[in-house]
Amino acid sequence: MRGIRGAISVEKNTRTAILENTSLLLKEMIANNKLSENDIISIFFTATDDLDEVYPAVAARQLGFADIPLLCYQEMKVKDSLEKCIRVLMFVDFDCALQEVKHVYLKKAKKLRPDLLNQENRLDKER
């Protein structure tokens, strides 16, 4: 089992923005790691306290993840931390070395963990 990290910033605190950005992040995490739905064990979501219009897990349900356990938390408030941010920890049945896991940080969230961004994201390659 492996954990895949991801995060994305959201421009506005709206249902649409939260769901669209969460969906984009999940799709990137799945594509970059060549996962299928059957590989996903569970997904934990956190959101900063300025994102409160909808649970990020709703985006996963809209993608069809009906049988995967999902859980949302409010991100711990830390002085000068990134605002309007959704973070994801996806647990997967993935038999690989730790170095092969591709973590995904998009938009302003790229600055959170530059040490985990040793490979380009698939989305970045398409732009």
Protein backbone atom coordinates (compact mmCIF):
# COMPACT_ATOMS: atom_id res chain seq x y z
CA MET A 1 0.00 0.00 0.00
CA ARG A 2 1.18 3.51 -0.78
CA GLY A 3 -0.04 7.02 0.01
CA ILE A 4 -0.22 9.58 -2.75
CA ARG A 5 -0.28 13.25 -1.79
CA GLY A 6 -1.90 16.04 -3.72
CA ALA A 7 -3.08 19.61 -3.28
CA ILE A 8 -4.70 22.35 -5.31
CA SER A 9 -5.62 25.95 -4.68
CA VAL A 10 -9.14 27.17 -5.42
CA GLU A 11 -9.85 30.66 -6.73
CA LYS A 12 -13.26 31.18 -5.08
CA ASN A 13 -15.28 29.64 -2.28
CA THR A 14 -18.07 28.33 -4.49
CA ARG A 15 -19.52 24.88 -4.91
CA THR A 16 -18.53 24.86 -8.58
CA ALA A 17 -14.93 25.97 -7.98
CA ILE A 18 -14.38 23.48 -5.16
CA LEU A 19 -15.82 20.54 -7.11
CA GLU A 20 -14.08 21.38 -10.39
CA ASN A 21 -10.68 21.81 -8.74
CA THR A 22 -11.01 18.70 -6.58
CA SER A 23 -12.04 16.70 -9.63
CA LEU A 24 -9.06 18.02 -11.60
CA LEU A 25 -6.69 17.08 -8.77
CA LEU A 26 -8.11 13.56 -8.41
CA LYS A 27 -7.95 12.94 -12.17
CA GLU A 28 -4.33 14.08 -12.25
CA MET A 29 -3.36 11.89 -9.31
CA ILE A 30 -4.99 8.87 -10.94
CA ALA A 31 -3.56 9.54 -14.42
CA ASN A 32 -0.03 10.33 -13.24
CA ASN A 33 0.12 7.12 -11.22
CA LYS A 34 -1.73 4.99 -13.81
CA LEU A 35 -4.38 3.91 -11.29
CA SER A 36 -7.79 2.38 -11.72
CA GLU A 37 -10.67 2.82 -9.29
CA ASN A 38 -10.00 -0.69 -7.96
CA ASP A 39 -6.51 0.41 -6.86
CA ILE A 40 -7.88 3.09 -4.51
CA ILE A 41 -8.35 1.98 -0.91
CA SER A 42 -9.55 5.27 0.61
CA ILE A 43 -9.17 9.03 0.23
CA PHE A 44 -8.77 11.69 2.92
CA PHE A 45 -9.49 15.31 2.02
CA THR A 46 -8.69 18.46 3.94
CA ALA A 47 -9.82 21.98 3.11
CA THR A 48 -8.80 25.29 4.61
CA ASP A 49 -11.49 26.98 6.69
CA ASP A 50 -12.20 29.51 3.92
CA LEU A 51 -13.64 26.74 1.72
CA ASP A 52 -17.01 25.79 3.17
CA GLU A 53 -19.52 25.61 0.34
CA VAL A 54 -19.28 21.84 -0.27
CA TYR A 55 -17.29 18.82 0.87
CA PRO A 56 -14.44 18.03 -1.54
CA ALA A 57 -15.41 14.34 -1.35
CA VAL A 58 -18.54 15.16 -3.36
CA ALA A 59 -16.25 15.51 -6.40
CA ALA A 60 -15.04 11.93 -5.92
CA ARG A 61 -18.62 10.69 -5.72
CA GLN A 62 -19.41 12.60 -8.92
CA LEU A 63 -16.49 10.79 -10.57
CA GLY A 64 -18.20 7.51 -9.71
CA PHE A 65 -16.26 6.50 -6.60
CA ALA A 66 -19.33 5.08 -4.88
CA ASP A 67 -17.63 2.28 -2.93
CA ILE A 68 -14.42 4.01 -1.87
CA PRO A 69 -14.32 5.28 1.73
CA LEU A 70 -13.92 9.07 1.74
CA LEU A 71 -13.41 11.43 4.65
CA CYS A 72 -13.20 15.23 4.83
CA TYR A 73 -11.43 17.27 7.50
CA GLN A 74 -10.84 20.93 8.06
CA GLU A 75 -7.17 21.79 7.60
CA MET A 76 -5.35 23.03 10.68
CA LYS A 77 -5.13 26.83 10.61
CA VAL A 78 -1.49 27.92 10.53
CA LYS A 79 -0.34 31.52 10.35
CA ASP A 80 0.64 32.60 6.80
CA SER A 81 -0.39 29.27 5.26
CA LEU A 82 -1.85 28.93 1.77
CA GLU A 83 -5.48 30.02 1.62
CA LYS A 84 -8.29 28.30 -0.29
CA CYS A 85 -6.45 25.01 -0.50
CA ILE A 86 -7.66 21.42 -0.79
CA ARG A 87 -5.25 18.66 0.16
CA VAL A 88 -5.65 14.96 -0.59
CA LEU A 89 -4.10 11.80 0.78
CA MET A 90 -5.06 8.84 -1.39
CA PHE A 91 -4.27 5.35 -0.09
CA VAL A 92 -3.73 2.90 -2.94
CA ASP A 93 -2.94 -0.75 -3.50
CA PHE A 94 0.20 0.03 -5.44
CA ASP A 95 3.23 -2.24 -5.56
CA CYS A 96 6.07 0.13 -6.32
CA ALA A 97 9.06 1.83 -4.76
CA LEU A 98 8.37 5.02 -2.83
CA GLN A 99 10.33 6.98 -5.44
CA GLU A 100 7.91 5.87 -8.16
CA VAL A 101 4.88 7.51 -6.52
CA LYS A 102 3.93 10.70 -8.34
CA HIS A 103 2.54 13.31 -5.97
CA VAL A 104 0.49 16.08 -7.58
CA TYR A 105 0.48 19.74 -6.57
CA LEU A 106 -1.41 22.15 -8.81
CA LYS A 107 -1.83 25.90 -9.10
CA LYS A 108 -0.63 27.85 -6.02
CA ALA A 109 -0.30 24.58 -4.08
CA LYS A 110 2.87 23.77 -6.06
CA LYS A 111 4.82 25.82 -3.53
CA LEU A 112 3.74 23.55 -0.64
CA ARG A 113 6.03 20.63 -1.43
CA PRO A 114 8.57 21.43 -4.15
CA ASP A 115 10.65 18.51 -2.86
CA LEU A 116 7.91 16.09 -4.03
CA LEU A 117 7.67 17.59 -7.50
CA ASN A 118 10.72 15.98 -9.03
CA GLN A 119 8.66 14.91 -12.06
CA GLU A 120 6.42 17.14 -14.12
CA ASN A 121 2.70 16.55 -13.80
CA ARG A 122 0.92 15.24 -16.87
CA LEU A 123 -1.17 18.43 -16.93
CA ASP A 124 1.96 20.59 -17.04
CA LYS A 125 3.27 18.63 -20.03
CA GLU A 126 0.07 19.32 -21.97
CA ARG A 127 0.34 23.11 -21.53
